[in-house]
Protein backbone atom coordinates (compact mmCIF):
# COMPACT_ATOMS: atom_id res chain seq x y z
CA MET A 1 54.68 93.85 130.88
CA THR A 2 52.54 95.08 128.00
CA ASP A 3 48.94 93.95 127.64
CA THR A 4 49.83 92.17 124.38
CA LYS A 5 52.71 90.27 125.92
CA GLN A 6 50.60 89.33 128.95
CA HIS A 7 47.86 88.05 126.64
CA TRP A 8 50.20 85.69 124.81
CA GLU A 9 52.03 84.53 127.95
CA ASN A 10 48.62 83.60 129.36
CA VAL A 11 47.62 81.76 126.18
CA TYR A 12 50.72 79.56 126.28
CA GLU A 13 50.47 79.03 130.02
CA THR A 14 46.87 77.85 129.90
CA LYS A 15 46.35 76.16 126.51
CA THR A 16 47.83 73.04 124.92
CA ASP A 17 48.91 72.81 121.27
CA GLN A 18 45.58 71.29 120.32
CA GLU A 19 43.64 74.10 122.02
CA VAL A 20 44.94 76.94 119.83
CA SER A 21 43.43 77.43 116.39
CA TRP A 22 46.64 78.19 114.48
CA TYR A 23 48.53 75.03 115.45
CA GLN A 24 49.87 72.79 112.67
CA GLU A 25 51.52 69.47 113.46
CA THR A 26 53.44 69.80 110.19
CA PRO A 27 53.51 73.26 108.52
CA THR A 28 53.40 71.72 105.05
CA THR A 29 52.60 74.83 103.01
CA SER A 30 55.43 76.88 104.53
CA LEU A 31 57.89 74.00 104.15
CA GLU A 32 56.98 73.55 100.49
CA LEU A 33 57.39 77.27 99.79
CA ILE A 34 60.79 77.36 101.49
CA ALA A 35 61.93 74.26 99.60
CA SER A 36 60.98 75.95 96.31
CA PHE A 37 63.64 78.63 96.87
CA ASN A 38 66.51 76.12 96.81
CA LEU A 39 68.28 78.06 99.55
CA ASP A 40 71.71 77.07 100.78
CA LYS A 41 71.43 75.08 104.03
CA GLY A 42 73.36 77.85 105.74
CA ALA A 43 70.88 80.54 104.65
CA SER A 44 69.69 82.81 107.45
CA ILE A 45 66.00 82.15 108.14
CA ILE A 46 63.77 83.77 110.76
CA ASP A 47 60.28 82.64 111.76
CA VAL A 48 58.48 85.68 113.18
CA GLY A 49 55.78 84.86 115.71
CA GLY A 50 57.15 81.33 115.48
CA GLY A 51 56.48 80.65 119.14
CA ASN A 52 55.35 77.08 119.44
CA SER A 53 55.35 76.40 115.69
CA ASN A 54 57.07 73.24 114.49
CA LEU A 55 58.54 75.01 111.44
CA ALA A 56 62.05 75.58 112.81
CA GLY A 57 62.26 72.00 114.08
CA GLU A 58 61.27 70.66 110.66
CA LEU A 59 63.84 72.90 108.96
CA LEU A 60 66.48 71.59 111.36
CA LYS A 61 65.64 68.05 110.27
CA GLN A 62 66.17 69.15 106.66
CA GLY A 63 69.68 70.35 107.49
CA TYR A 64 69.24 74.11 107.77
CA THR A 65 71.78 75.52 110.21
CA ASN A 66 71.10 79.26 110.61
CA LEU A 67 67.63 79.46 112.13
CA SER A 68 66.04 82.11 114.34
CA VAL A 69 62.60 82.13 115.97
CA LEU A 70 61.07 85.32 117.36
CA ASP A 71 58.02 85.56 119.57
CA ILE A 72 56.64 88.02 122.09
CA SER A 73 55.89 85.12 124.45
CA ALA A 74 58.79 83.59 126.38
CA LYS A 75 56.52 80.72 127.41
CA SER A 76 55.80 79.79 123.79
CA LEU A 77 59.52 79.61 123.03
CA GLU A 78 60.19 77.53 126.13
CA ARG A 79 57.55 75.07 124.97
CA ALA A 80 59.13 74.87 121.52
CA LYS A 81 62.56 74.30 123.07
CA SER A 82 61.23 71.50 125.28
CA LYS A 83 59.97 69.61 122.22
CA LEU A 84 63.33 69.86 120.49
CA VAL A 85 65.38 68.90 123.60
CA GLN A 86 69.14 69.20 122.78
CA GLU A 87 68.40 70.26 119.21
CA ALA A 88 66.98 73.52 120.62
CA ASP A 89 70.53 74.81 121.11
CA LYS A 90 70.95 74.90 117.33
CA ILE A 91 68.30 77.66 117.02
CA TYR A 92 68.60 81.32 118.01
CA TRP A 93 65.56 82.17 120.15
CA ILE A 94 64.45 85.81 120.38
CA VAL A 95 61.88 87.06 122.92
CA SER A 96 60.63 90.36 121.52
CA ASP A 97 57.61 92.31 120.37
CA ILE A 98 58.14 92.56 116.62
CA LEU A 99 57.79 96.36 116.81
CA ASP A 100 60.75 96.49 119.23
CA PHE A 101 62.91 94.15 117.16
CA HIS A 102 66.28 95.43 115.98
CA PRO A 103 67.79 92.67 113.80
CA LYS A 104 71.49 92.00 114.36
CA GLN A 105 71.82 90.46 110.92
CA GLN A 106 70.06 90.44 107.57
CA TYR A 107 68.04 87.41 106.57
CA ASP A 108 67.74 85.39 103.38
CA LEU A 109 64.17 84.49 104.38
CA TRP A 110 61.63 86.09 106.70
CA HIS A 111 58.59 83.89 107.44
CA ASP A 112 55.51 85.18 109.26
CA ARG A 113 52.30 83.20 109.60
CA ALA A 114 51.35 84.52 113.01
CA THR A 115 52.17 88.15 113.67
CA PHE A 116 51.43 90.62 110.90
CA HIS A 117 47.63 90.31 110.93
CA PHE A 118 47.53 91.24 114.63
CA LEU A 119 48.79 94.74 113.78
CA THR A 120 45.70 96.91 113.38
CA VAL A 121 47.08 100.46 113.72
CA LYS A 122 48.49 102.15 110.60
CA LYS A 123 51.72 103.33 112.24
CA ASP A 124 52.42 99.83 113.59
CA ILE A 125 51.82 98.26 110.18
CA GLU A 126 54.14 100.81 108.58
CA LYS A 127 56.80 100.16 111.22
CA TYR A 128 56.65 96.43 110.53
CA VAL A 129 57.05 97.06 106.79
CA ASN A 130 60.11 99.22 107.48
CA ILE A 131 61.67 96.61 109.78
CA VAL A 132 61.18 93.92 107.15
CA GLY A 133 62.65 96.14 104.43
CA GLU A 134 65.84 96.59 106.43
CA ALA A 135 66.05 93.03 107.73
CA ILE A 136 65.98 91.08 104.45
CA LYS A 137 68.96 90.82 102.11
CA THR A 138 68.66 92.00 98.52
CA GLY A 139 67.32 89.01 96.61
CA GLY A 140 66.01 87.48 99.82
CA TYR A 141 62.46 86.28 100.39
CA LEU A 142 59.49 87.31 102.49
CA ILE A 143 56.62 84.93 103.22
CA ILE A 144 53.60 86.58 104.82
CA ALA A 145 50.55 84.47 105.65
CA THR A 146 47.58 86.36 107.07
CA PHE A 147 43.84 86.06 107.40
CA SER A 148 42.26 86.71 104.00
CA MET A 149 39.34 89.04 103.27
CA SER A 150 37.02 86.07 103.78
CA GLY A 151 38.87 84.99 106.93
CA GLN A 152 38.44 85.63 110.62
CA LYS A 153 37.94 89.13 112.04
CA LYS A 154 39.30 88.08 115.41
CA CYS A 155 41.82 85.51 116.62
CA SER A 156 42.51 84.49 120.20
CA GLY A 157 40.06 87.18 121.26
CA LEU A 158 42.05 89.95 119.54
CA ASP A 159 41.12 92.09 116.55
CA ILE A 160 43.06 91.34 113.36
CA THR A 161 43.52 92.95 109.95
CA GLN A 162 42.28 91.04 106.90
CA TYR A 163 44.31 91.18 103.69
CA SER A 164 43.98 90.67 99.97
CA LYS A 165 46.83 90.17 97.50
CA GLU A 166 46.42 93.77 96.29
CA LYS A 167 46.46 95.19 99.82
CA LEU A 168 49.64 93.31 100.72
CA ARG A 169 51.37 94.16 97.46
CA GLY A 170 50.53 97.83 98.03
CA LEU A 171 52.16 97.79 101.46
CA PHE A 172 55.41 96.10 100.42
CA THR A 173 55.78 97.40 96.85
CA GLU A 174 58.56 99.91 97.64
CA SER A 175 61.15 97.27 98.53
CA PHE A 176 59.70 94.00 97.23
CA GLU A 177 58.22 92.37 94.15
CA LEU A 178 55.30 89.98 94.53
CA VAL A 179 56.27 86.54 93.26
CA LYS A 180 53.28 84.43 94.25
CA SER A 181 49.99 84.63 96.11
CA PHE A 182 47.33 82.06 96.93
CA GLU A 183 44.58 81.40 99.44
CA GLU A 184 44.37 78.36 101.67
CA VAL A 185 41.88 77.00 104.19
CA HIS A 186 43.50 76.01 107.46
CA GLN A 187 41.80 73.21 109.37
CA THR A 188 42.15 73.97 113.08
CA PRO A 189 42.84 71.22 115.65
CA PHE A 190 39.17 71.39 116.65
CA ASP A 191 37.80 71.02 113.10
CA THR A 192 36.89 74.60 112.28
CA LYS A 193 38.21 76.42 109.22
CA GLN A 194 40.27 79.59 108.85
CA ASN A 195 40.84 81.32 105.51
CA PHE A 196 44.44 82.43 104.97
CA ILE A 197 46.24 84.20 102.15
CA TYR A 198 49.91 83.41 101.54
CA THR A 199 52.06 85.96 99.74
CA LEU A 200 55.65 85.46 98.64
CA PHE A 201 57.80 88.52 97.95
CA ARG A 202 61.37 88.96 96.76
CA LYS A 203 63.53 91.85 98.02
CA LEU A 204 64.58 94.26 95.28
């Protein structure tokens, strides 16, 4: 087991939802962005680093039928499944390090609010960009939410990479056009603040 995988298995084994900074009871911003695309309910959507996020469950309630959730932590996915009970069978759950992920389909929407900023080595960042470029359909959407330049420098004890709109656009410009970008302050379950930047791209 890699050190990264062990780290996240330990997090989800030892901490409750309310004890991790990134938790959102309702991921309102992501849901509003996804709704703005007017996607068909059968559109293929993947939540990368989705782990114990409630996003997929909320999308299920809205009638979306082709949902995937990827996370390096099996324990995080088991926790998410337990909250959804029988509804969990309607989602495709993928236990994988994102850098080892070989998509079996192309997606209409790739959502990541949890993974990309943990990549701190240039070759890993470039590999992620390449995976995304191959995994999203032409005309499909990419939502990346990361720590902004005024955000955290560490999360869950790990180093992260901070991003600006220009830095993100520069990374994805070969295959995507930037549609929208904005910053948002996330209120953690224990009343601290984290500065995020959301970027929305469209695949060329």
